[in-house]
Amino acid sequence: MDIQSEKLELIKMLLETDDKAIIEAVRSILQSEKKNSFKELSSEQQEEINLVIQKENRGDIVDF
């Protein structure tokens, strides 16, 4: 099974569950992975991302 099929299967499983603990566990795993990926970036890359986030929060960036 390819990665896209795996993702779709996980989405289906999440949609079918009403178990809040499972949903919170998946959220926690994904958020943890996101934080770890950010830490692997150079300090310059992290700073650039933070600047873009700040600009977006201030409304300086307009999506088209």
PDB file of N, CA and C in Angstrom:
ATOM      1  N   MET A   1       0.853  -1.180   0.000  1.00  0.00           N
ATOM      2  CA  MET A   1       0.000   0.000   0.000  1.00  0.00           C
ATOM      3  C   MET A   1       0.897   1.241   0.000  1.00  0.00           C
ATOM      4  N   ASP A   2       0.606   2.206  -0.870  1.00  0.00           N
ATOM      5  CA  ASP A   2       1.412   3.425  -0.925  1.00  0.00           C
ATOM      6  C   ASP A   2       1.026   4.384   0.207  1.00  0.00           C
ATOM      7  N   ILE A   3       1.828   5.424   0.372  1.00  0.00           N
ATOM      8  CA  ILE A   3       1.640   6.354   1.486  1.00  0.00           C
ATOM      9  C   ILE A   3       0.298   7.068   1.440  1.00  0.00           C
ATOM     10  N   GLN A   4      -0.168   7.440   0.254  1.00  0.00           N
ATOM     11  CA  GLN A   4      -1.455   8.127   0.148  1.00  0.00           C
ATOM     12  C   GLN A   4      -2.600   7.208   0.569  1.00  0.00           C
ATOM     13  N   SER A   5      -2.519   5.954   0.200  1.00  0.00           N
ATOM     14  CA  SER A   5      -3.544   4.983   0.601  1.00  0.00           C
ATOM     15  C   SER A   5      -3.528   4.784   2.111  1.00  0.00           C
ATOM     16  N   GLU A   6      -2.330   4.755   2.681  1.00  0.00           N
ATOM     17  CA  GLU A   6      -2.199   4.620   4.138  1.00  0.00           C
ATOM     18  C   GLU A   6      -2.848   5.811   4.845  1.00  0.00           C
ATOM     19  N   LYS A   7      -2.596   7.017   4.333  1.00  0.00           N
ATOM     20  CA  LYS A   7      -3.185   8.220   4.923  1.00  0.00           C
ATOM     21  C   LYS A   7      -4.708   8.171   4.860  1.00  0.00           C
ATOM     22  N   LEU A   8      -5.227   7.779   3.712  1.00  0.00           N
ATOM     23  CA  LEU A   8      -6.686   7.696   3.562  1.00  0.00           C
ATOM     24  C   LEU A   8      -7.280   6.675   4.516  1.00  0.00           C
ATOM     25  N   GLU A   9      -6.599   5.559   4.691  1.00  0.00           N
ATOM     26  CA  GLU A   9      -7.070   4.536   5.614  1.00  0.00           C
ATOM     27  C   GLU A   9      -7.099   5.062   7.052  1.00  0.00           C
ATOM     28  N   LEU A  10      -6.059   5.805   7.430  1.00  0.00           N
ATOM     29  CA  LEU A  10      -6.034   6.409   8.767  1.00  0.00           C
ATOM     30  C   LEU A  10      -7.147   7.437   8.938  1.00  0.00           C
ATOM     31  N   ILE A  11      -7.386   8.224   7.914  1.00  0.00           N
ATOM     32  CA  ILE A  11      -8.470   9.218   7.965  1.00  0.00           C
ATOM     33  C   ILE A  11      -9.810   8.517   8.173  1.00  0.00           C
ATOM     34  N   LYS A  12     -10.028   7.456   7.433  1.00  0.00           N
ATOM     35  CA  LYS A  12     -11.279   6.701   7.580  1.00  0.00           C
ATOM     36  C   LYS A  12     -11.432   6.171   9.002  1.00  0.00           C
ATOM     37  N   MET A  13     -10.338   5.634   9.531  1.00  0.00           N
ATOM     38  CA  MET A  13     -10.390   5.092  10.890  1.00  0.00           C
ATOM     39  C   MET A  13     -10.697   6.189  11.908  1.00  0.00           C
ATOM     40  N   LEU A  14     -10.094   7.363  11.734  1.00  0.00           N
ATOM     41  CA  LEU A  14     -10.363   8.472  12.648  1.00  0.00           C
ATOM     42  C   LEU A  14     -11.812   8.938  12.556  1.00  0.00           C
ATOM     43  N   LEU A  15     -12.337   8.983  11.337  1.00  0.00           N
ATOM     44  CA  LEU A  15     -13.719   9.409  11.154  1.00  0.00           C
ATOM     45  C   LEU A  15     -14.710   8.440  11.786  1.00  0.00           C
ATOM     46  N   GLU A  16     -14.344   7.178  11.823  1.00  0.00           N
ATOM     47  CA  GLU A  16     -15.249   6.153  12.352  1.00  0.00           C
ATOM     48  C   GLU A  16     -15.208   6.024  13.866  1.00  0.00           C
ATOM     49  N   THR A  17     -14.182   6.584  14.517  1.00  0.00           N
ATOM     50  CA  THR A  17     -14.075   6.423  15.958  1.00  0.00           C
ATOM     51  C   THR A  17     -14.724   7.585  16.712  1.00  0.00           C
ATOM     52  N   ASP A  18     -15.281   7.263  17.849  1.00  0.00           N
ATOM     53  CA  ASP A  18     -15.803   8.275  18.756  1.00  0.00           C
ATOM     54  C   ASP A  18     -14.982   8.297  20.043  1.00  0.00           C
ATOM     55  N   ASP A  19     -13.880   7.559  20.034  1.00  0.00           N
ATOM     56  CA  ASP A  19     -13.019   7.464  21.209  1.00  0.00           C
ATOM     57  C   ASP A  19     -12.104   8.685  21.263  1.00  0.00           C
ATOM     58  N   LYS A  20     -12.416   9.580  22.180  1.00  0.00           N
ATOM     59  CA  LYS A  20     -11.665  10.831  22.288  1.00  0.00           C
ATOM     60  C   LYS A  20     -10.200  10.576  22.631  1.00  0.00           C
ATOM     61  N   ALA A  21      -9.910   9.537  23.384  1.00  0.00           N
ATOM     62  CA  ALA A  21      -8.529   9.231  23.758  1.00  0.00           C
ATOM     63  C   ALA A  21      -7.686   8.894  22.529  1.00  0.00           C
ATOM     64  N   ILE A  22      -8.266   8.185  21.583  1.00  0.00           N
ATOM     65  CA  ILE A  22      -7.542   7.849  20.352  1.00  0.00           C
ATOM     66  C   ILE A  22      -7.256   9.110  19.552  1.00  0.00           C
ATOM     67  N   ILE A  23      -8.249   9.956  19.434  1.00  0.00           N
ATOM     68  CA  ILE A  23      -8.080  11.196  18.677  1.00  0.00           C
ATOM     69  C   ILE A  23      -7.024  12.087  19.329  1.00  0.00           C
ATOM     70  N   GLU A  24      -7.050  12.190  20.645  1.00  0.00           N
ATOM     71  CA  GLU A  24      -6.058  12.997  21.356  1.00  0.00           C
ATOM     72  C   GLU A  24      -4.663  12.391  21.219  1.00  0.00           C
ATOM     73  N   ALA A  25      -4.566  11.069  21.224  1.00  0.00           N
ATOM     74  CA  ALA A  25      -3.265  10.412  21.068  1.00  0.00           C
ATOM     75  C   ALA A  25      -2.681  10.685  19.687  1.00  0.00           C
ATOM     76  N   VAL A  26      -3.512  10.596  18.663  1.00  0.00           N
ATOM     77  CA  VAL A  26      -3.043  10.875  17.302  1.00  0.00           C
ATOM     78  C   VAL A  26      -2.617  12.333  17.192  1.00  0.00           C
ATOM     79  N   ARG A  27      -3.396  13.232  17.743  1.00  0.00           N
ATOM     80  CA  ARG A  27      -3.057  14.663  17.727  1.00  0.00           C
ATOM     81  C   ARG A  27      -1.715  14.891  18.416  1.00  0.00           C
ATOM     82  N   SER A  28      -1.522  14.274  19.547  1.00  0.00           N
ATOM     83  CA  SER A  28      -0.283  14.426  20.305  1.00  0.00           C
ATOM     84  C   SER A  28       0.922  13.930  19.506  1.00  0.00           C
ATOM     85  N   ILE A  29       0.766  12.792  18.864  1.00  0.00           N
ATOM     86  CA  ILE A  29       1.853  12.242  18.045  1.00  0.00           C
ATOM     87  C   ILE A  29       2.197  13.194  16.906  1.00  0.00           C
ATOM     88  N   LEU A  30       1.188  13.684  16.215  1.00  0.00           N
ATOM     89  CA  LEU A  30       1.427  14.571  15.077  1.00  0.00           C
ATOM     90  C   LEU A  30       2.048  15.892  15.517  1.00  0.00           C
ATOM     91  N   GLN A  31       1.591  16.445  16.625  1.00  0.00           N
ATOM     92  CA  GLN A  31       2.162  17.696  17.121  1.00  0.00           C
ATOM     93  C   GLN A  31       3.602  17.495  17.569  1.00  0.00           C
ATOM     94  N   SER A  32       3.881  16.373  18.196  1.00  0.00           N
ATOM     95  CA  SER A  32       5.240  16.067  18.630  1.00  0.00           C
ATOM     96  C   SER A  32       6.167  15.944  17.435  1.00  0.00           C
ATOM     97  N   GLU A  33       5.719  15.284  16.388  1.00  0.00           N
ATOM     98  CA  GLU A  33       6.514  15.130  15.168  1.00  0.00           C
ATOM     99  C   GLU A  33       6.781  16.484  14.527  1.00  0.00           C
ATOM    100  N   LYS A  34       5.776  17.344  14.531  1.00  0.00           N
ATOM    101  CA  LYS A  34       5.927  18.678  13.952  1.00  0.00           C
ATOM    102  C   LYS A  34       6.991  19.470  14.711  1.00  0.00           C
ATOM    103  N   LYS A  35       6.979  19.389  16.027  1.00  0.00           N
ATOM    104  CA  LYS A  35       7.968  20.097  16.847  1.00  0.00           C
ATOM    105  C   LYS A  35       9.363  19.539  16.600  1.00  0.00           C
ATOM    106  N   ASN A  36       9.491  18.228  16.486  1.00  0.00           N
ATOM    107  CA  ASN A  36      10.792  17.614  16.244  1.00  0.00           C
ATOM    108  C   ASN A  36      11.343  18.017  14.883  1.00  0.00           C
ATOM    109  N   SER A  37      10.499  18.100  13.883  1.00  0.00           N
ATOM    110  CA  SER A  37      10.934  18.506  12.547  1.00  0.00           C
ATOM    111  C   SER A  37      11.456  19.933  12.567  1.00  0.00           C
ATOM    112  N   PHE A  38      10.802  20.798  13.308  1.00  0.00           N
ATOM    113  CA  PHE A  38      11.210  22.192  13.403  1.00  0.00           C
ATOM    114  C   PHE A  38      12.591  22.295  14.050  1.00  0.00           C
ATOM    115  N   LYS A  39      12.833  21.488  15.081  1.00  0.00           N
ATOM    116  CA  LYS A  39      14.114  21.521  15.780  1.00  0.00           C
ATOM    117  C   LYS A  39      15.268  21.058  14.897  1.00  0.00           C
ATOM    118  N   GLU A  40      14.970  20.271  13.884  1.00  0.00           N
ATOM    119  CA  GLU A  40      16.011  19.770  12.988  1.00  0.00           C
ATOM    120  C   GLU A  40      16.457  20.819  11.971  1.00  0.00           C
ATOM    121  N   LEU A  41      15.698  21.901  11.840  1.00  0.00           N
ATOM    122  CA  LEU A  41      16.061  22.965  10.911  1.00  0.00           C
ATOM    123  C   LEU A  41      17.196  23.800  11.487  1.00  0.00           C
ATOM    124  N   SER A  42      17.932  24.465  10.608  1.00  0.00           N
ATOM    125  CA  SER A  42      18.983  25.369  11.078  1.00  0.00           C
ATOM    126  C   SER A  42      18.326  26.562  11.776  1.00  0.00           C
ATOM    127  N   SER A  43      19.119  27.272  12.557  1.00  0.00           N
ATOM    128  CA  SER A  43      18.562  28.441  13.255  1.00  0.00           C
ATOM    129  C   SER A  43      18.092  29.499  12.264  1.00  0.00           C
ATOM    130  N   GLU A  44      18.769  29.604  11.113  1.00  0.00           N
ATOM    131  CA  GLU A  44      18.352  30.560  10.091  1.00  0.00           C
ATOM    132  C   GLU A  44      16.988  30.167   9.505  1.00  0.00           C
ATOM    133  N   GLN A  45      16.788  28.887   9.258  1.00  0.00           N
ATOM    134  CA  GLN A  45      15.517  28.407   8.724  1.00  0.00           C
ATOM    135  C   GLN A  45      14.399  28.617   9.734  1.00  0.00           C
ATOM    136  N   GLN A  46      14.674  28.338  11.003  1.00  0.00           N
ATOM    137  CA  GLN A  46      13.673  28.547  12.053  1.00  0.00           C
ATOM    138  C   GLN A  46      13.292  30.017  12.142  1.00  0.00           C
ATOM    139  N   GLU A  47      14.287  30.898  12.076  1.00  0.00           N
ATOM    140  CA  GLU A  47      14.024  32.334  12.154  1.00  0.00           C
ATOM    141  C   GLU A  47      13.173  32.801  10.978  1.00  0.00           C
ATOM    142  N   GLU A  48      13.473  32.317   9.783  1.00  0.00           N
ATOM    143  CA  GLU A  48      12.692  32.688   8.594  1.00  0.00           C
ATOM    144  C   GLU A  48      11.238  32.247   8.747  1.00  0.00           C
ATOM    145  N   ILE A  49      11.031  31.045   9.228  1.00  0.00           N
ATOM    146  CA  ILE A  49       9.668  30.540   9.439  1.00  0.00           C
ATOM    147  C   ILE A  49       8.953  31.394  10.475  1.00  0.00           C
ATOM    148  N   ASN A  50       9.639  31.707  11.562  1.00  0.00           N
ATOM    149  CA  ASN A  50       9.027  32.535  12.608  1.00  0.00           C
ATOM    150  C   ASN A  50       8.660  33.914  12.090  1.00  0.00           C
ATOM    151  N   LEU A  51       9.505  34.495  11.237  1.00  0.00           N
ATOM    152  CA  LEU A  51       9.200  35.809  10.660  1.00  0.00           C
ATOM    153  C   LEU A  51       7.953  35.747   9.772  1.00  0.00           C
ATOM    154  N   VAL A  52       7.846  34.705   8.972  1.00  0.00           N
ATOM    155  CA  VAL A  52       6.669  34.551   8.109  1.00  0.00           C
ATOM    156  C   VAL A  52       5.411  34.378   8.958  1.00  0.00           C
ATOM    157  N   ILE A  53       5.501  33.613  10.015  1.00  0.00           N
ATOM    158  CA  ILE A  53       4.351  33.415  10.909  1.00  0.00           C
ATOM    159  C   ILE A  53       3.946  34.748  11.545  1.00  0.00           C
ATOM    160  N   GLN A  54       4.914  35.523  11.995  1.00  0.00           N
ATOM    161  CA  GLN A  54       4.616  36.825  12.587  1.00  0.00           C
ATOM    162  C   GLN A  54       3.939  37.753  11.582  1.00  0.00           C
ATOM    163  N   LYS A  55       4.445  37.776  10.348  1.00  0.00           N
ATOM    164  CA  LYS A  55       3.840  38.606   9.312  1.00  0.00           C
ATOM    165  C   LYS A  55       2.411  38.167   9.023  1.00  0.00           C
ATOM    166  N   GLU A  56       2.212  36.854   8.962  1.00  0.00           N
ATOM    167  CA  GLU A  56       0.866  36.318   8.715  1.00  0.00           C
ATOM    168  C   GLU A  56      -0.078  36.712   9.849  1.00  0.00           C
ATOM    169  N   ASN A  57       0.387  36.612  11.086  1.00  0.00           N
ATOM    170  CA  ASN A  57      -0.452  36.965  12.232  1.00  0.00           C
ATOM    171  C   ASN A  57      -0.810  38.450  12.256  1.00  0.00           C
ATOM    172  N   ARG A  58       0.102  39.302  11.750  1.00  0.00           N
ATOM    173  CA  ARG A  58      -0.162  40.744  11.705  1.00  0.00           C
ATOM    174  C   ARG A  58      -1.019  41.129  10.508  1.00  0.00           C
ATOM    175  N   GLY A  59      -1.165  40.206   9.566  1.00  0.00           N
ATOM    176  CA  GLY A  59      -1.934  40.505   8.374  1.00  0.00           C
ATOM    177  C   GLY A  59      -1.110  41.134   7.271  1.00  0.00           C
ATOM    178  N   ASP A  60       0.217  41.058   7.400  1.00  0.00           N
ATOM    179  CA  ASP A  60       1.110  41.639   6.384  1.00  0.00           C
ATOM    180  C   ASP A  60       1.152  40.805   5.121  1.00  0.00           C
ATOM    181  N   ILE A  61       0.734  39.561   5.186  1.00  0.00           N
ATOM    182  CA  ILE A  61       0.774  38.662   4.036  1.00  0.00           C
ATOM    183  C   ILE A  61      -0.653  38.426   3.578  1.00  0.00           C
ATOM    184  N   VAL A  62      -0.863  38.592   2.271  1.00  0.00           N
ATOM    185  CA  VAL A  62      -2.185  38.388   1.698  1.00  0.00           C
ATOM    186  C   VAL A  62      -2.127  37.211   0.758  1.00  0.00           C
ATOM    187  N   ASP A  63      -2.989  36.223   0.980  1.00  0.00           N
ATOM    188  CA  ASP A  63      -3.062  35.067   0.099  1.00  0.00           C
ATOM    189  C   ASP A  63      -3.940  35.403  -1.101  1.00  0.00           C
ATOM    190  N   PHE A  64      -3.520  34.946  -2.262  1.00  0.00           N
ATOM    191  CA  PHE A  64      -4.305  35.187  -3.478  1.00  0.00           C
ATOM    192  C   PHE A  64      -4.938  33.924  -3.953  1.00  0.00           C
TER     193      PHE A  64
END
